[in-house]
Protein backbone atom coordinates (compact mmCIF):
# COMPACT_ATOMS: atom_id res chain seq x y z
CA MET A 1 109.68 87.96 61.37
CA GLU A 2 110.85 91.15 62.80
CA THR A 3 108.53 94.04 64.00
CA LEU A 4 109.60 97.86 64.13
CA LEU A 5 107.69 100.57 65.90
CA VAL A 6 108.57 104.29 64.40
CA LYS A 7 107.31 107.23 65.78
CA VAL A 8 107.05 110.25 63.47
CA SER A 9 106.18 113.85 64.31
CA GLU A 10 104.85 114.80 61.00
CA HIS A 11 101.87 113.09 59.13
CA LYS A 12 103.03 113.93 55.47
CA LYS A 13 106.59 112.66 56.54
CA ALA A 14 104.79 109.27 58.07
CA THR A 15 103.06 109.00 54.83
CA MET A 16 105.84 109.54 52.62
CA LEU A 17 108.02 106.46 54.53
CA VAL A 18 104.86 104.24 54.87
CA GLU A 19 104.37 104.38 50.86
CA LEU A 20 108.49 104.19 50.71
CA LEU A 21 108.33 100.88 53.05
CA LYS A 22 105.25 99.26 51.15
CA SER A 23 107.42 99.84 47.95
CA MET A 24 110.14 97.10 49.39
CA ASP A 25 109.56 93.30 48.35
CA PHE A 26 110.92 92.56 51.65
CA ILE A 27 108.05 94.39 53.82
CA GLU A 28 105.27 92.19 54.86
CA SER A 29 103.17 94.95 56.06
CA VAL A 30 103.18 98.24 56.96
CA ASP A 31 100.45 100.13 59.12
CA LEU A 32 99.86 103.77 59.92
CA ILE A 33 98.39 104.23 63.10
CA GLY A 34 97.35 108.05 63.19
CA ASP A 35 96.03 108.40 66.74
CA MET A 36 97.09 107.40 70.29
CA LYS A 37 93.91 105.10 70.83
CA SER A 38 94.38 103.31 67.73
CA PHE A 39 98.21 102.65 68.67
CA LYS A 40 97.07 101.89 72.46
CA GLU A 41 94.49 99.20 70.92
CA LEU A 42 97.19 97.59 68.94
CA PHE A 43 99.98 97.77 71.48
CA ASN A 44 97.30 95.84 73.66
CA LYS A 45 96.64 93.40 71.21
CA VAL A 46 100.49 92.78 70.80
CA ASN A 47 100.48 92.12 74.46
CA GLU A 48 97.74 89.89 74.61
CA GLU A 49 99.41 87.65 71.76
CA ALA A 50 102.53 87.86 73.48
CA ALA A 51 101.24 86.20 76.73
CA LEU A 52 100.04 83.20 74.76
CA THR A 53 103.82 82.64 74.19
CA ASP A 54 106.75 81.26 76.66
CA LEU A 55 107.70 85.04 76.23
CA LYS A 56 105.60 85.82 79.67
CA ASP A 57 107.79 83.59 81.65
CA MET A 58 111.17 84.59 80.46
CA THR A 59 113.57 86.92 82.09
CA MET A 60 115.42 89.68 80.47
CA ASP A 61 118.50 87.53 80.69
CA ASP A 62 116.66 84.68 79.19
CA ILE A 63 115.82 86.62 76.21
CA ASN A 64 119.40 88.22 75.60
CA LYS A 65 120.67 84.85 75.72
CA GLU A 66 118.24 83.40 72.83
CA ILE A 67 119.15 86.41 70.92
CA LYS A 68 122.95 85.65 71.68
CA GLU A 69 122.08 82.32 70.36
CA TYR A 70 120.06 83.00 67.09
CA ARG A 71 122.78 85.57 66.07
CA LEU A 72 125.39 82.87 66.56
CA GLU A 73 123.43 80.40 64.34
CA LYS A 74 122.86 83.04 61.86
CA LYS A 75 126.53 83.87 61.78
CA SER A 76 127.69 80.21 61.35
CA GLY A 77 124.82 79.66 58.86
CA SER A 78 123.32 76.91 60.71
CA ASN A 79 119.63 77.26 61.23
C-alpha cells in the first residue's frame, strides 16, 4: 500500500478532489484534514507506527536500495 499526502490551498477544491479519489475503485481510503492540529496528530501517529518497524534503523541509502530492488522485482514480474 502506498500513501500520498496532498496539500490543497482551497477547501472547496480539496473537497472535490476527495470525492474524485473516493470514486476510484483502487483507493482504499481518503481523509480530509482541515486544520494543522489534526494534521500534526495524524503525522505523529504515522511516525509512531513507523517507529515500530525496521524503518527507524534504515539509512536513506538503505531505503533507496529497497526501492530499487522492489522496482526491479516488479519490472521482472516476480514478487
